[in-house]
Amino acid sequence: MIMQPVASSNLISVGYDDTANTLYIQFHNGTYKYYNVPYIVYRSLMDAPSKGEYHSAFIKNRYQYSRA
């Protein structure tokens, strides 16, 4: 899996493991793994004009996660 740099004040890079449906997000304070995230959610995050707003609205507190 390759982490893609993103233009965001909060997120640094994003990666997605489609075999495990796991989303990886690198923030300034560390990297987190979000489990059982559908591919469309990852694509929508990557296409969102504000990655931080999308993360807050559609990922944060919706998917189980752990620090990577």
N, C-alpha and C. Protein backbone atom coordinates (compact mmCIF):
# COMPACT_ATOMS: atom_id res chain seq x y z
N MET A 1 0.83 -1.17 0.00
CA MET A 1 0.00 0.00 0.00
C MET A 1 0.88 1.24 0.00
N ILE A 2 0.52 2.20 -0.79
CA ILE A 2 1.25 3.45 -0.90
C ILE A 2 0.42 4.56 -0.26
N MET A 3 1.06 5.33 0.59
CA MET A 3 0.42 6.49 1.20
C MET A 3 0.55 7.66 0.22
N GLN A 4 -0.58 8.27 -0.10
CA GLN A 4 -0.61 9.40 -1.02
C GLN A 4 -0.64 10.71 -0.24
N PRO A 5 0.29 11.62 -0.49
CA PRO A 5 0.23 12.93 0.16
C PRO A 5 -1.05 13.66 -0.26
N VAL A 6 -1.64 14.39 0.68
CA VAL A 6 -2.86 15.15 0.38
C VAL A 6 -2.68 16.60 0.80
N ALA A 7 -3.41 17.47 0.12
CA ALA A 7 -3.41 18.90 0.47
C ALA A 7 -4.43 19.11 1.57
N SER A 8 -3.95 19.28 2.79
CA SER A 8 -4.82 19.44 3.94
C SER A 8 -4.02 20.06 5.08
N SER A 9 -4.68 20.83 5.92
CA SER A 9 -3.98 21.38 7.07
C SER A 9 -3.89 20.37 8.21
N ASN A 10 -4.73 19.34 8.19
CA ASN A 10 -4.78 18.37 9.27
C ASN A 10 -4.23 16.99 8.88
N LEU A 11 -4.51 16.56 7.65
CA LEU A 11 -4.06 15.26 7.18
C LEU A 11 -2.79 15.43 6.36
N ILE A 12 -1.87 14.48 6.50
CA ILE A 12 -0.63 14.52 5.74
C ILE A 12 -0.70 13.60 4.53
N SER A 13 -1.15 12.35 4.77
CA SER A 13 -1.24 11.39 3.67
C SER A 13 -2.32 10.36 3.98
N VAL A 14 -2.77 9.67 2.91
CA VAL A 14 -3.85 8.70 3.02
C VAL A 14 -3.48 7.47 2.20
N GLY A 15 -3.81 6.30 2.74
CA GLY A 15 -3.62 5.05 2.01
C GLY A 15 -4.81 4.14 2.24
N TYR A 16 -4.97 3.16 1.36
CA TYR A 16 -6.10 2.25 1.49
C TYR A 16 -5.66 0.85 1.09
N ASP A 17 -5.93 -0.11 1.96
CA ASP A 17 -5.65 -1.52 1.71
C ASP A 17 -6.97 -2.17 1.31
N ASP A 18 -7.15 -2.38 0.00
CA ASP A 18 -8.43 -2.90 -0.47
C ASP A 18 -8.63 -4.38 -0.15
N THR A 19 -7.59 -5.12 0.19
CA THR A 19 -7.78 -6.52 0.58
C THR A 19 -8.34 -6.63 1.99
N ALA A 20 -8.09 -5.63 2.82
CA ALA A 20 -8.57 -5.64 4.21
C ALA A 20 -9.60 -4.54 4.48
N ASN A 21 -9.92 -3.73 3.46
CA ASN A 21 -10.82 -2.59 3.64
C ASN A 21 -10.39 -1.70 4.80
N THR A 22 -9.09 -1.44 4.85
CA THR A 22 -8.53 -0.62 5.92
C THR A 22 -8.01 0.69 5.36
N LEU A 23 -8.45 1.77 5.97
CA LEU A 23 -8.04 3.11 5.57
C LEU A 23 -6.96 3.59 6.53
N TYR A 24 -5.88 4.09 5.99
CA TYR A 24 -4.78 4.63 6.79
C TYR A 24 -4.75 6.14 6.58
N ILE A 25 -4.73 6.87 7.67
CA ILE A 25 -4.63 8.32 7.59
C ILE A 25 -3.49 8.78 8.49
N GLN A 26 -2.55 9.51 7.90
CA GLN A 26 -1.46 10.09 8.67
C GLN A 26 -1.81 11.53 8.99
N PHE A 27 -1.88 11.82 10.29
CA PHE A 27 -2.11 13.16 10.79
C PHE A 27 -0.78 13.71 11.30
N HIS A 28 -0.77 14.93 11.74
CA HIS A 28 0.44 15.52 12.30
C HIS A 28 0.84 14.83 13.61
N ASN A 29 -0.13 14.21 14.29
CA ASN A 29 0.17 13.56 15.57
C ASN A 29 0.31 12.04 15.46
N GLY A 30 0.30 11.50 14.24
CA GLY A 30 0.48 10.06 14.07
C GLY A 30 -0.41 9.49 12.98
N THR A 31 -0.27 8.18 12.77
CA THR A 31 -1.03 7.50 11.73
C THR A 31 -2.08 6.60 12.39
N TYR A 32 -3.27 6.59 11.81
CA TYR A 32 -4.37 5.78 12.33
C TYR A 32 -4.89 4.85 11.25
N LYS A 33 -5.32 3.66 11.68
CA LYS A 33 -5.93 2.69 10.80
C LYS A 33 -7.43 2.64 11.12
N TYR A 34 -8.26 2.77 10.09
CA TYR A 34 -9.71 2.68 10.24
C TYR A 34 -10.16 1.40 9.55
N TYR A 35 -10.91 0.57 10.28
CA TYR A 35 -11.26 -0.77 9.81
C TYR A 35 -12.63 -0.83 9.15
N ASN A 36 -12.75 -1.76 8.19
CA ASN A 36 -14.01 -2.03 7.47
C ASN A 36 -14.58 -0.78 6.80
N VAL A 37 -13.70 -0.02 6.18
CA VAL A 37 -14.10 1.19 5.47
C VAL A 37 -14.33 0.83 4.00
N PRO A 38 -15.52 1.07 3.48
CA PRO A 38 -15.77 0.77 2.06
C PRO A 38 -14.88 1.62 1.14
N TYR A 39 -14.55 1.05 0.01
CA TYR A 39 -13.69 1.74 -0.96
C TYR A 39 -14.27 3.10 -1.35
N ILE A 40 -15.59 3.18 -1.48
CA ILE A 40 -16.22 4.43 -1.90
C ILE A 40 -15.96 5.55 -0.88
N VAL A 41 -15.85 5.20 0.39
CA VAL A 41 -15.55 6.21 1.41
C VAL A 41 -14.12 6.73 1.21
N TYR A 42 -13.19 5.82 0.94
CA TYR A 42 -11.81 6.23 0.64
C TYR A 42 -11.77 7.13 -0.59
N ARG A 43 -12.46 6.73 -1.67
CA ARG A 43 -12.46 7.53 -2.90
C ARG A 43 -13.07 8.90 -2.64
N SER A 44 -14.16 8.92 -1.89
CA SER A 44 -14.82 10.20 -1.59
C SER A 44 -13.92 11.10 -0.76
N LEU A 45 -13.16 10.52 0.17
CA LEU A 45 -12.20 11.30 0.94
C LEU A 45 -11.16 11.91 0.02
N MET A 46 -10.63 11.12 -0.88
CA MET A 46 -9.60 11.61 -1.79
C MET A 46 -10.13 12.68 -2.75
N ASP A 47 -11.42 12.61 -3.09
CA ASP A 47 -12.03 13.57 -4.00
C ASP A 47 -12.58 14.82 -3.29
N ALA A 48 -12.66 14.77 -1.96
CA ALA A 48 -13.27 15.87 -1.21
C ALA A 48 -12.41 17.13 -1.28
N PRO A 49 -13.03 18.29 -1.44
CA PRO A 49 -12.27 19.53 -1.46
C PRO A 49 -11.60 19.81 -0.11
N SER A 50 -12.23 19.38 0.99
CA SER A 50 -11.63 19.51 2.33
C SER A 50 -11.53 18.12 2.95
N LYS A 51 -10.33 17.59 2.99
CA LYS A 51 -10.11 16.25 3.55
C LYS A 51 -10.45 16.21 5.04
N GLY A 52 -10.10 17.26 5.76
CA GLY A 52 -10.38 17.31 7.19
C GLY A 52 -11.87 17.33 7.49
N GLU A 53 -12.63 18.11 6.72
CA GLU A 53 -14.09 18.16 6.92
C GLU A 53 -14.72 16.82 6.57
N TYR A 54 -14.25 16.19 5.50
CA TYR A 54 -14.80 14.89 5.11
C TYR A 54 -14.50 13.86 6.21
N HIS A 55 -13.28 13.86 6.70
CA HIS A 55 -12.91 12.93 7.77
C HIS A 55 -13.82 13.13 8.98
N SER A 56 -14.03 14.37 9.39
CA SER A 56 -14.88 14.65 10.56
C SER A 56 -16.32 14.22 10.35
N ALA A 57 -16.83 14.42 9.14
CA ALA A 57 -18.25 14.15 8.87
C ALA A 57 -18.55 12.68 8.58
N PHE A 58 -17.62 11.98 7.93
CA PHE A 58 -17.96 10.64 7.43
C PHE A 58 -17.07 9.50 7.91
N ILE A 59 -15.99 9.80 8.62
CA ILE A 59 -15.07 8.73 9.05
C ILE A 59 -14.91 8.73 10.57
N LYS A 60 -14.57 9.86 11.12
CA LYS A 60 -14.35 9.97 12.57
C LYS A 60 -15.60 9.56 13.33
N ASN A 61 -15.44 8.75 14.35
CA ASN A 61 -16.53 8.24 15.20
C ASN A 61 -17.53 7.34 14.44
N ARG A 62 -17.20 6.91 13.23
CA ARG A 62 -18.07 6.00 12.50
C ARG A 62 -17.43 4.63 12.27
N TYR A 63 -16.10 4.60 12.29
CA TYR A 63 -15.38 3.36 12.05
C TYR A 63 -14.44 3.08 13.22
N GLN A 64 -14.31 1.80 13.55
CA GLN A 64 -13.36 1.41 14.57
C GLN A 64 -11.95 1.73 14.07
N TYR A 65 -11.08 2.15 14.97
CA TYR A 65 -9.74 2.54 14.54
C TYR A 65 -8.73 2.18 15.61
N SER A 66 -7.47 2.23 15.23
CA SER A 66 -6.37 2.09 16.16
C SER A 66 -5.21 2.91 15.63
N ARG A 67 -4.31 3.22 16.53
CA ARG A 67 -3.11 3.93 16.12
C ARG A 67 -2.18 2.94 15.42
N ALA A 68 -1.66 3.31 14.28
CA ALA A 68 -0.81 2.39 13.50
C ALA A 68 0.62 2.40 14.01
